[in-house]
Amino acid sequence: MKLIYLDPGHGGKDPGAVNGRRHESDDVLKLSKAVKNLLEEQGFTVRMTRETDTYVSLEDRTEQANRAQADWFISIHRNSFANAEASGVEVWIYPTKDAETNRGAKEVLDEIVQAGVQKNRGVKKGDYHVCRETKMPAMLIEMGFITNATDNQLFDSRFEQYAKAIAKGICKAAGTEWNEKTASADQVT
């Protein structure tokens, strides 16, 4: 079965985006663990760049996945912006990645959008280290804006749906059929 590398962004001395007591690093670690559980139920081997609130450099994140010869690398983040009206979910890929990466990013984003988002910001191309330096298809998912109250409310109220949507999208991206019978809601949190 395929090896998926999940990368909960930030961690430790780097909390990522912050809104009051809410830290991006905490939100994405919790979500990544839920996605990991669901993917393992589907038969995938899943590793994570971090499983606790620890700092891992960008270089270490990509080196871990490259050494393991992962089939997919998925980095999970929350967005932020000075204007609290900014909202929505987007997926980033490196501009020169292949068609498989483009297709996979669209599969994941489509599943997340079906779970219900404030705004679909699309698949975008950018120069992110974790997408550029990985030797396998890679994407960076921005799960809404931590600076937007509605995005935070959706992240909390639809947490289980989002975890399942990401896992289901990864299955499709990896060319594997999603098995609803093995996807138990109890394993999400």
N, C-alpha and C. Protein backbone atom coordinates (compact mmCIF):
# COMPACT_ATOMS: atom_id res chain seq x y z
N MET A 1 0.85 -1.19 0.00
CA MET A 1 0.00 0.00 0.00
C MET A 1 0.88 1.24 0.00
N LYS A 2 0.34 2.33 -0.45
CA LYS A 2 1.11 3.55 -0.60
C LYS A 2 1.42 4.23 0.74
N LEU A 3 2.55 4.95 0.73
CA LEU A 3 3.00 5.68 1.92
C LEU A 3 2.64 7.16 1.76
N ILE A 4 1.87 7.66 2.69
CA ILE A 4 1.48 9.07 2.71
C ILE A 4 2.23 9.76 3.85
N TYR A 5 2.84 10.88 3.54
CA TYR A 5 3.53 11.69 4.56
C TYR A 5 2.67 12.91 4.85
N LEU A 6 2.18 13.01 6.08
CA LEU A 6 1.40 14.17 6.51
C LEU A 6 2.31 15.13 7.25
N ASP A 7 2.16 16.41 6.96
CA ASP A 7 3.01 17.45 7.54
C ASP A 7 2.14 18.51 8.22
N PRO A 8 1.90 18.35 9.54
CA PRO A 8 1.19 19.42 10.25
C PRO A 8 2.12 20.64 10.35
N GLY A 9 1.76 21.73 9.74
CA GLY A 9 2.62 22.90 9.68
C GLY A 9 2.99 23.46 11.04
N HIS A 10 4.15 24.10 11.08
CA HIS A 10 4.64 24.84 12.24
C HIS A 10 4.87 23.90 13.44
N GLY A 11 4.73 24.40 14.68
CA GLY A 11 4.95 23.59 15.86
C GLY A 11 6.07 24.10 16.75
N GLY A 12 5.99 23.80 18.04
CA GLY A 12 7.02 24.20 18.99
C GLY A 12 7.17 25.71 19.07
N LYS A 13 8.39 26.18 18.84
CA LYS A 13 8.67 27.63 18.92
C LYS A 13 8.00 28.43 17.81
N ASP A 14 7.43 27.74 16.82
CA ASP A 14 6.76 28.38 15.69
C ASP A 14 5.27 28.01 15.70
N PRO A 15 4.43 28.85 16.33
CA PRO A 15 3.01 28.51 16.41
C PRO A 15 2.25 28.74 15.10
N GLY A 16 2.91 29.37 14.12
CA GLY A 16 2.22 29.72 12.89
C GLY A 16 1.30 30.90 13.12
N ALA A 17 0.19 30.96 12.41
CA ALA A 17 -0.76 32.05 12.58
C ALA A 17 -1.44 31.92 13.95
N VAL A 18 -1.69 33.06 14.57
CA VAL A 18 -2.29 33.08 15.90
C VAL A 18 -3.48 34.03 15.91
N ASN A 19 -4.54 33.61 16.56
CA ASN A 19 -5.72 34.46 16.77
C ASN A 19 -6.14 34.27 18.22
N GLY A 20 -5.71 35.18 19.09
CA GLY A 20 -5.98 35.03 20.52
C GLY A 20 -5.25 33.80 21.05
N ARG A 21 -6.02 32.89 21.63
CA ARG A 21 -5.42 31.65 22.16
C ARG A 21 -5.36 30.54 21.12
N ARG A 22 -5.87 30.80 19.97
CA ARG A 22 -5.91 29.79 18.91
C ARG A 22 -4.63 29.86 18.09
N HIS A 23 -3.93 28.72 18.00
CA HIS A 23 -2.67 28.62 17.25
C HIS A 23 -2.85 27.68 16.06
N GLU A 24 -2.36 28.12 14.93
CA GLU A 24 -2.39 27.29 13.73
C GLU A 24 -1.76 25.93 13.99
N SER A 25 -0.62 25.92 14.68
CA SER A 25 0.11 24.66 14.91
C SER A 25 -0.74 23.63 15.65
N ASP A 26 -1.61 24.08 16.57
CA ASP A 26 -2.48 23.16 17.30
C ASP A 26 -3.61 22.64 16.41
N ASP A 27 -4.25 23.55 15.67
CA ASP A 27 -5.35 23.15 14.79
C ASP A 27 -4.89 22.11 13.77
N VAL A 28 -3.74 22.36 13.14
CA VAL A 28 -3.31 21.46 12.06
C VAL A 28 -2.76 20.13 12.59
N LEU A 29 -2.22 20.13 13.80
CA LEU A 29 -1.77 18.86 14.38
C LEU A 29 -2.98 17.97 14.68
N LYS A 30 -4.00 18.56 15.26
CA LYS A 30 -5.22 17.80 15.57
C LYS A 30 -5.85 17.26 14.28
N LEU A 31 -5.93 18.10 13.25
CA LEU A 31 -6.53 17.67 11.99
C LEU A 31 -5.68 16.59 11.31
N SER A 32 -4.37 16.76 11.33
CA SER A 32 -3.48 15.77 10.70
C SER A 32 -3.60 14.41 11.37
N LYS A 33 -3.71 14.40 12.69
CA LYS A 33 -3.87 13.12 13.41
C LYS A 33 -5.17 12.43 13.01
N ALA A 34 -6.24 13.22 12.85
CA ALA A 34 -7.52 12.64 12.44
C ALA A 34 -7.43 12.08 11.02
N VAL A 35 -6.77 12.82 10.13
CA VAL A 35 -6.60 12.34 8.75
C VAL A 35 -5.76 11.06 8.75
N LYS A 36 -4.71 11.03 9.56
CA LYS A 36 -3.84 9.85 9.66
C LYS A 36 -4.66 8.62 10.05
N ASN A 37 -5.51 8.75 11.07
CA ASN A 37 -6.33 7.62 11.52
C ASN A 37 -7.23 7.11 10.40
N LEU A 38 -7.84 8.03 9.68
CA LEU A 38 -8.75 7.64 8.60
C LEU A 38 -7.99 6.96 7.45
N LEU A 39 -6.83 7.49 7.11
CA LEU A 39 -6.04 6.89 6.03
C LEU A 39 -5.55 5.49 6.42
N GLU A 40 -5.16 5.33 7.67
CA GLU A 40 -4.72 4.00 8.13
C GLU A 40 -5.87 3.00 8.06
N GLU A 41 -7.08 3.46 8.37
CA GLU A 41 -8.25 2.58 8.24
C GLU A 41 -8.47 2.14 6.79
N GLN A 42 -8.02 2.98 5.85
CA GLN A 42 -8.16 2.67 4.43
C GLN A 42 -7.01 1.79 3.93
N GLY A 43 -6.06 1.48 4.82
CA GLY A 43 -4.96 0.58 4.45
C GLY A 43 -3.67 1.26 4.08
N PHE A 44 -3.62 2.61 4.18
CA PHE A 44 -2.38 3.32 3.86
C PHE A 44 -1.38 3.22 5.01
N THR A 45 -0.12 3.31 4.67
CA THR A 45 0.93 3.54 5.66
C THR A 45 1.06 5.04 5.75
N VAL A 46 0.99 5.58 6.96
CA VAL A 46 1.03 7.03 7.13
C VAL A 46 2.09 7.40 8.15
N ARG A 47 2.92 8.37 7.79
CA ARG A 47 3.89 8.93 8.72
C ARG A 47 3.64 10.42 8.81
N MET A 48 4.05 11.00 9.93
CA MET A 48 3.87 12.43 10.12
C MET A 48 5.22 13.08 10.44
N THR A 49 5.39 14.31 9.97
CA THR A 49 6.64 15.02 10.23
C THR A 49 6.76 15.40 11.70
N ARG A 50 5.62 15.53 12.38
CA ARG A 50 5.60 15.74 13.83
C ARG A 50 4.28 15.20 14.37
N GLU A 51 4.34 14.64 15.59
CA GLU A 51 3.12 14.12 16.23
C GLU A 51 2.85 14.80 17.55
N THR A 52 3.69 15.76 17.91
CA THR A 52 3.51 16.55 19.13
C THR A 52 3.79 18.01 18.78
N ASP A 53 3.67 18.88 19.74
CA ASP A 53 3.92 20.31 19.53
C ASP A 53 5.41 20.58 19.58
N THR A 54 6.12 20.13 18.54
CA THR A 54 7.57 20.32 18.46
C THR A 54 7.91 21.05 17.17
N TYR A 55 9.06 21.71 17.18
CA TYR A 55 9.53 22.43 16.00
C TYR A 55 10.30 21.47 15.09
N VAL A 56 9.97 21.48 13.81
CA VAL A 56 10.68 20.70 12.80
C VAL A 56 10.99 21.67 11.66
N SER A 57 12.25 21.75 11.25
CA SER A 57 12.63 22.68 10.17
C SER A 57 12.00 22.23 8.85
N LEU A 58 11.88 23.16 7.92
CA LEU A 58 11.35 22.83 6.60
C LEU A 58 12.21 21.77 5.92
N GLU A 59 13.54 21.90 6.08
CA GLU A 59 14.45 20.93 5.47
C GLU A 59 14.22 19.53 6.04
N ASP A 60 14.06 19.44 7.36
CA ASP A 60 13.81 18.14 7.98
C ASP A 60 12.50 17.53 7.52
N ARG A 61 11.51 18.35 7.32
CA ARG A 61 10.20 17.85 6.88
C ARG A 61 10.32 17.16 5.50
N THR A 62 10.96 17.85 4.56
CA THR A 62 11.07 17.27 3.22
C THR A 62 12.07 16.12 3.18
N GLU A 63 13.15 16.21 3.95
CA GLU A 63 14.13 15.13 3.98
C GLU A 63 13.51 13.84 4.53
N GLN A 64 12.67 13.95 5.56
CA GLN A 64 12.00 12.76 6.11
C GLN A 64 11.21 12.04 5.01
N ALA A 65 10.41 12.80 4.28
CA ALA A 65 9.56 12.21 3.24
C ALA A 65 10.39 11.66 2.09
N ASN A 66 11.43 12.38 1.71
CA ASN A 66 12.28 11.92 0.60
C ASN A 66 13.02 10.64 0.98
N ARG A 67 13.55 10.58 2.21
CA ARG A 67 14.25 9.36 2.67
C ARG A 67 13.31 8.16 2.69
N ALA A 68 12.09 8.41 3.11
CA ALA A 68 11.09 7.32 3.22
C ALA A 68 10.53 6.94 1.85
N GLN A 69 10.82 7.72 0.82
CA GLN A 69 10.30 7.49 -0.52
C GLN A 69 8.77 7.45 -0.51
N ALA A 70 8.19 8.46 0.16
CA ALA A 70 6.73 8.56 0.25
C ALA A 70 6.12 8.71 -1.13
N ASP A 71 4.88 8.29 -1.25
CA ASP A 71 4.16 8.42 -2.51
C ASP A 71 3.50 9.79 -2.64
N TRP A 72 3.08 10.36 -1.52
CA TRP A 72 2.46 11.69 -1.49
C TRP A 72 2.92 12.42 -0.23
N PHE A 73 3.04 13.74 -0.33
CA PHE A 73 3.37 14.61 0.81
C PHE A 73 2.26 15.66 0.90
N ILE A 74 1.60 15.71 2.05
CA ILE A 74 0.49 16.62 2.26
C ILE A 74 0.79 17.50 3.47
N SER A 75 0.98 18.79 3.24
CA SER A 75 1.24 19.74 4.33
C SER A 75 -0.06 20.47 4.65
N ILE A 76 -0.44 20.48 5.93
CA ILE A 76 -1.72 21.06 6.33
C ILE A 76 -1.47 22.31 7.17
N HIS A 77 -2.14 23.40 6.78
CA HIS A 77 -1.97 24.71 7.40
C HIS A 77 -3.31 25.40 7.60
N ARG A 78 -3.27 26.53 8.29
CA ARG A 78 -4.38 27.49 8.35
C ARG A 78 -3.83 28.81 7.85
N ASN A 79 -4.61 29.56 7.16
CA ASN A 79 -4.20 30.83 6.59
C ASN A 79 -4.44 31.98 7.57
N SER A 80 -3.88 33.16 7.27
CA SER A 80 -4.18 34.36 8.05
C SER A 80 -3.98 35.59 7.17
N PHE A 81 -4.66 36.67 7.55
CA PHE A 81 -4.51 37.91 6.80
C PHE A 81 -4.93 39.05 7.71
N ALA A 82 -4.34 40.22 7.51
CA ALA A 82 -4.64 41.39 8.34
C ALA A 82 -6.13 41.76 8.26
N ASN A 83 -6.73 41.61 7.09
CA ASN A 83 -8.15 41.87 6.91
C ASN A 83 -8.93 40.62 7.32
N ALA A 84 -9.69 40.72 8.40
CA ALA A 84 -10.42 39.57 8.93
C ALA A 84 -11.52 39.08 8.01
N GLU A 85 -11.80 39.81 6.94
CA GLU A 85 -12.82 39.36 5.97
C GLU A 85 -12.28 38.28 5.04
N ALA A 86 -10.95 38.17 4.90
CA ALA A 86 -10.37 37.14 4.03
C ALA A 86 -10.80 35.76 4.54
N SER A 87 -11.24 34.91 3.60
CA SER A 87 -11.76 33.61 4.02
C SER A 87 -11.54 32.57 2.93
N GLY A 88 -11.73 31.32 3.31
CA GLY A 88 -11.76 30.24 2.34
C GLY A 88 -10.60 29.27 2.41
N VAL A 89 -10.74 28.21 1.63
CA VAL A 89 -9.79 27.11 1.58
C VAL A 89 -9.09 27.12 0.22
N GLU A 90 -7.79 26.82 0.22
CA GLU A 90 -7.03 26.73 -1.02
C GLU A 90 -5.97 25.65 -0.89
N VAL A 91 -5.51 25.16 -2.04
CA VAL A 91 -4.45 24.15 -2.08
C VAL A 91 -3.34 24.68 -2.98
N TRP A 92 -2.11 24.60 -2.47
CA TRP A 92 -0.93 25.08 -3.21
C TRP A 92 -0.09 23.92 -3.71
N ILE A 93 0.41 24.06 -4.93
CA ILE A 93 1.36 23.10 -5.50
C ILE A 93 2.51 23.89 -6.13
N TYR A 94 3.63 23.21 -6.35
CA TYR A 94 4.78 23.85 -6.99
C TYR A 94 4.51 23.93 -8.50
N PRO A 95 4.85 25.07 -9.12
CA PRO A 95 4.50 25.28 -10.53
C PRO A 95 4.97 24.20 -11.51
N THR A 96 6.12 23.58 -11.26
CA THR A 96 6.62 22.61 -12.24
C THR A 96 6.29 21.16 -11.90
N LYS A 97 5.46 20.95 -10.90
CA LYS A 97 5.08 19.56 -10.59
C LYS A 97 4.22 19.00 -11.72
N ASP A 98 4.14 17.68 -11.78
CA ASP A 98 3.49 17.00 -12.90
C ASP A 98 1.97 17.01 -12.82
N ALA A 99 1.36 16.43 -13.84
CA ALA A 99 -0.10 16.37 -13.93
C ALA A 99 -0.71 15.61 -12.77
N GLU A 100 0.00 14.60 -12.26
CA GLU A 100 -0.51 13.83 -11.11
C GLU A 100 -0.71 14.74 -9.91
N THR A 101 0.23 15.65 -9.67
CA THR A 101 0.13 16.59 -8.56
C THR A 101 -1.06 17.51 -8.75
N ASN A 102 -1.21 18.04 -9.97
CA ASN A 102 -2.34 18.93 -10.26
C ASN A 102 -3.67 18.22 -10.04
N ARG A 103 -3.78 17.01 -10.55
CA ARG A 103 -5.01 16.23 -10.41
C ARG A 103 -5.29 15.93 -8.94
N GLY A 104 -4.26 15.52 -8.21
CA GLY A 104 -4.42 15.19 -6.79
C GLY A 104 -4.85 16.38 -5.96
N ALA A 105 -4.27 17.54 -6.22
CA ALA A 105 -4.64 18.75 -5.49
C ALA A 105 -6.11 19.09 -5.73
N LYS A 106 -6.54 18.93 -6.98
CA LYS A 106 -7.94 19.20 -7.31
C LYS A 106 -8.87 18.20 -6.62
N GLU A 107 -8.47 16.92 -6.59
CA GLU A 107 -9.28 15.89 -5.92
C GLU A 107 -9.48 16.25 -4.44
N VAL A 108 -8.39 16.63 -3.77
CA VAL A 108 -8.46 16.96 -2.34
C VAL A 108 -9.32 18.20 -2.13
N LEU A 109 -9.08 19.24 -2.91
CA LEU A 109 -9.85 20.47 -2.75
C LEU A 109 -11.34 20.22 -3.01
N ASP A 110 -11.66 19.46 -4.05
CA ASP A 110 -13.07 19.17 -4.35
C ASP A 110 -13.77 18.50 -3.17
N GLU A 111 -13.09 17.55 -2.53
CA GLU A 111 -13.68 16.86 -1.38
C GLU A 111 -13.89 17.83 -0.21
N ILE A 112 -12.92 18.70 0.04
CA ILE A 112 -13.05 19.67 1.14
C ILE A 112 -14.22 20.62 0.86
N VAL A 113 -14.32 21.09 -0.37
CA VAL A 113 -15.40 22.02 -0.74
C VAL A 113 -16.76 21.35 -0.55
N GLN A 114 -16.86 20.06 -0.91
CA GLN A 114 -18.12 19.33 -0.71
C GLN A 114 -18.49 19.23 0.77
N ALA A 115 -17.49 19.26 1.65
CA ALA A 115 -17.76 19.20 3.10
C ALA A 115 -18.31 20.54 3.61
N GLY A 116 -18.19 21.59 2.81
CA GLY A 116 -18.77 22.88 3.16
C GLY A 116 -17.73 23.90 3.61
N VAL A 117 -17.46 24.86 2.75
CA VAL A 117 -16.50 25.91 3.07
C VAL A 117 -17.15 27.26 2.79
N GLN A 118 -16.57 28.30 3.36
CA GLN A 118 -17.07 29.65 3.13
C GLN A 118 -16.74 30.11 1.71
N LYS A 119 -15.54 29.74 1.24
CA LYS A 119 -15.11 30.16 -0.10
C LYS A 119 -14.09 29.16 -0.64
N ASN A 120 -14.24 28.79 -1.91
CA ASN A 120 -13.27 27.95 -2.60
C ASN A 120 -12.27 28.87 -3.29
N ARG A 121 -11.04 28.92 -2.79
CA ARG A 121 -10.02 29.81 -3.35
C ARG A 121 -9.18 29.11 -4.44
N GLY A 122 -9.47 27.84 -4.69
CA GLY A 122 -8.86 27.14 -5.81
C GLY A 122 -7.52 26.49 -5.53
N VAL A 123 -7.00 25.83 -6.58
CA VAL A 123 -5.65 25.26 -6.57
C VAL A 123 -4.74 26.34 -7.12
N LYS A 124 -3.69 26.64 -6.37
CA LYS A 124 -2.78 27.72 -6.75
C LYS A 124 -1.36 27.19 -6.87
N LYS A 125 -0.54 27.89 -7.62
CA LYS A 125 0.85 27.50 -7.80
C LYS A 125 1.75 28.51 -7.10
N GLY A 126 2.68 28.00 -6.28
CA GLY A 126 3.58 28.87 -5.53
C GLY A 126 4.87 28.16 -5.18
N ASP A 127 5.81 28.92 -4.69
CA ASP A 127 7.16 28.42 -4.39
C ASP A 127 7.32 28.10 -2.91
N TYR A 128 6.56 27.13 -2.42
CA TYR A 128 6.68 26.70 -1.03
C TYR A 128 7.72 25.59 -0.92
N HIS A 129 8.61 25.68 0.06
CA HIS A 129 9.69 24.71 0.24
C HIS A 129 9.17 23.28 0.26
N VAL A 130 8.09 23.04 1.03
CA VAL A 130 7.61 21.66 1.19
C VAL A 130 7.04 21.09 -0.10
N CYS A 131 6.64 21.93 -1.02
CA CYS A 131 6.17 21.45 -2.33
C CYS A 131 7.32 21.37 -3.33
N ARG A 132 8.26 22.29 -3.23
CA ARG A 132 9.38 22.35 -4.17
C ARG A 132 10.43 21.28 -3.91
N GLU A 133 10.75 21.00 -2.66
CA GLU A 133 11.88 20.13 -2.31
C GLU A 133 11.51 18.67 -2.10
N THR A 134 10.27 18.33 -2.24
CA THR A 134 9.85 16.93 -2.14
C THR A 134 10.03 16.25 -3.50
N LYS A 135 10.39 14.98 -3.46
CA LYS A 135 10.62 14.23 -4.71
C LYS A 135 9.37 13.48 -5.16
N MET A 136 8.30 13.67 -4.44
CA MET A 136 7.04 13.01 -4.76
C MET A 136 5.97 14.09 -4.97
N PRO A 137 4.80 13.73 -5.49
CA PRO A 137 3.73 14.72 -5.57
C PRO A 137 3.46 15.31 -4.18
N ALA A 138 3.28 16.64 -4.13
CA ALA A 138 3.12 17.32 -2.85
C ALA A 138 2.14 18.47 -2.97
N MET A 139 1.44 18.73 -1.88
CA MET A 139 0.52 19.87 -1.84
C MET A 139 0.51 20.47 -0.44
N LEU A 140 0.16 21.73 -0.38
CA LEU A 140 0.00 22.44 0.89
C LEU A 140 -1.45 22.92 0.94
N ILE A 141 -2.18 22.43 1.94
CA ILE A 141 -3.60 22.76 2.10
C ILE A 141 -3.73 23.87 3.13
N GLU A 142 -4.43 24.94 2.78
CA GLU A 142 -4.76 26.01 3.72
C GLU A 142 -6.22 25.84 4.11
N MET A 143 -6.45 25.36 5.34
CA MET A 143 -7.79 25.04 5.83
C MET A 143 -8.47 26.25 6.46
N GLY A 144 -8.74 27.24 5.63
CA GLY A 144 -9.44 28.43 6.09
C GLY A 144 -8.52 29.39 6.82
N PHE A 145 -9.04 30.58 7.08
CA PHE A 145 -8.27 31.65 7.73
C PHE A 145 -8.53 31.64 9.23
N ILE A 146 -7.46 31.52 10.00
CA ILE A 146 -7.55 31.54 11.46
C ILE A 146 -7.96 32.94 11.94
N THR A 147 -7.84 33.93 11.05
CA THR A 147 -8.20 35.31 11.36
C THR A 147 -9.65 35.63 10.98
N ASN A 148 -10.40 34.63 10.51
CA ASN A 148 -11.79 34.82 10.12
C ASN A 148 -12.69 34.00 11.04
N ALA A 149 -13.63 34.66 11.70
CA ALA A 149 -14.49 34.00 12.69
C ALA A 149 -15.30 32.87 12.07
N THR A 150 -15.84 33.07 10.88
CA THR A 150 -16.66 32.03 10.26
C THR A 150 -15.81 30.83 9.85
N ASP A 151 -14.62 31.07 9.30
CA ASP A 151 -13.73 29.96 8.97
C ASP A 151 -13.38 29.15 10.21
N ASN A 152 -13.15 29.81 11.34
CA ASN A 152 -12.86 29.10 12.59
C ASN A 152 -14.07 28.29 13.05
N GLN A 153 -15.25 28.88 12.94
CA GLN A 153 -16.48 28.17 13.34
C GLN A 153 -16.67 26.94 12.45
N LEU A 154 -16.42 27.09 11.15
CA LEU A 154 -16.53 25.94 10.25
C LEU A 154 -15.48 24.88 10.57
N PHE A 155 -14.24 25.31 10.84
CA PHE A 155 -13.17 24.37 11.18
C PHE A 155 -13.58 23.52 12.38
N ASP A 156 -14.19 24.15 13.38
CA ASP A 156 -14.61 23.43 14.59
C ASP A 156 -15.85 22.57 14.37
N SER A 157 -16.87 23.14 13.74
CA SER A 157 -18.14 22.41 13.61
C SER A 157 -18.09 21.32 12.54
N ARG A 158 -17.21 21.47 11.57
CA ARG A 158 -17.11 20.48 10.49
C ARG A 158 -15.78 19.72 10.54
N PHE A 159 -15.18 19.70 11.69
CA PHE A 159 -13.86 19.08 11.85
C PHE A 159 -13.84 17.65 11.30
N GLU A 160 -14.81 16.83 11.71
CA GLU A 160 -14.83 15.43 11.28
C GLU A 160 -15.06 15.32 9.77
N GLN A 161 -15.93 16.17 9.23
CA GLN A 161 -16.18 16.17 7.79
C GLN A 161 -14.91 16.58 7.03
N TYR A 162 -14.18 17.57 7.56
CA TYR A 162 -12.95 18.01 6.90
C TYR A 162 -11.88 16.92 6.93
N ALA A 163 -11.73 16.26 8.07
CA ALA A 163 -10.75 15.17 8.16
C ALA A 163 -11.07 14.08 7.14
N LYS A 164 -12.34 13.72 7.07
CA LYS A 164 -12.76 12.68 6.12
C LYS A 164 -12.58 13.15 4.69
N ALA A 165 -12.89 14.42 4.42
CA ALA A 165 -12.75 14.97 3.06
C ALA A 165 -11.29 14.94 2.61
N ILE A 166 -10.38 15.34 3.49
CA ILE A 166 -8.96 15.32 3.14
C ILE A 166 -8.50 13.89 2.89
N ALA A 167 -8.89 12.98 3.79
CA ALA A 167 -8.49 11.58 3.63
C ALA A 167 -9.07 10.99 2.34
N LYS A 168 -10.32 11.28 2.07
CA LYS A 168 -10.97 10.77 0.86
C LYS A 168 -10.29 11.34 -0.39
N GLY A 169 -9.96 12.62 -0.36
CA GLY A 169 -9.27 13.24 -1.48
C GLY A 169 -7.89 12.65 -1.71
N ILE A 170 -7.18 12.35 -0.62
CA ILE A 170 -5.86 11.72 -0.73
C ILE A 170 -6.00 10.32 -1.34
N CYS A 171 -7.03 9.59 -0.92
CA CYS A 171 -7.28 8.26 -1.52
C CYS A 171 -7.44 8.39 -3.03
N LYS A 172 -8.27 9.32 -3.46
CA LYS A 172 -8.49 9.52 -4.89
C LYS A 172 -7.20 9.92 -5.58
N ALA A 173 -6.46 10.85 -4.96
CA ALA A 173 -5.19 11.32 -5.53
C ALA A 173 -4.21 10.16 -5.70
N ALA A 174 -4.24 9.22 -4.75
CA ALA A 174 -3.33 8.08 -4.77
C ALA A 174 -3.86 6.94 -5.63
N GLY A 175 -5.02 7.14 -6.24
CA GLY A 175 -5.58 6.12 -7.12
C GLY A 175 -6.19 4.95 -6.40
N THR A 176 -6.68 5.20 -5.18
CA THR A 176 -7.27 4.15 -4.35
C THR A 176 -8.75 4.46 -4.11
N GLU A 177 -9.56 3.46 -4.18
CA GLU A 177 -10.99 3.62 -3.94
C GLU A 177 -11.25 3.82 -2.45
N TRP A 178 -12.06 4.80 -2.09
CA TRP A 178 -12.44 5.04 -0.70
C TRP A 178 -13.42 3.96 -0.26
N ASN A 179 -13.14 3.32 0.86
CA ASN A 179 -14.02 2.28 1.39
C ASN A 179 -14.79 2.84 2.57
N GLU A 180 -16.06 3.16 2.33
CA GLU A 180 -16.90 3.79 3.36
C GLU A 180 -17.07 2.89 4.58
N LYS A 181 -17.06 1.58 4.38
CA LYS A 181 -17.29 0.65 5.49
C LYS A 181 -16.17 0.69 6.51
N THR A 182 -14.96 1.02 6.09
CA THR A 182 -13.85 1.06 7.06
C THR A 182 -13.68 2.44 7.69
N ALA A 183 -14.40 3.43 7.19
CA ALA A 183 -14.25 4.80 7.69
C ALA A 183 -15.20 5.04 8.86
N SER A 184 -14.74 4.80 10.06
CA SER A 184 -15.60 4.98 11.23
C SER A 184 -15.43 6.37 11.81
N ALA A 185 -16.53 6.99 12.14
CA ALA A 185 -16.50 8.34 12.70
C ALA A 185 -15.79 8.36 14.05
N ASP A 186 -15.82 7.25 14.78
CA ASP A 186 -15.17 7.22 16.11
C ASP A 186 -13.67 7.47 16.01
N GLN A 187 -13.06 7.08 14.90
CA GLN A 187 -11.61 7.17 14.77
C GLN A 187 -11.13 8.54 14.38
N VAL A 188 -12.03 9.47 14.07
CA VAL A 188 -11.63 10.78 13.58
C VAL A 188 -10.93 11.58 14.67
N THR A 189 -11.48 11.62 15.85
CA THR A 189 -10.88 12.46 16.90
C THR A 189 -10.10 11.67 17.90
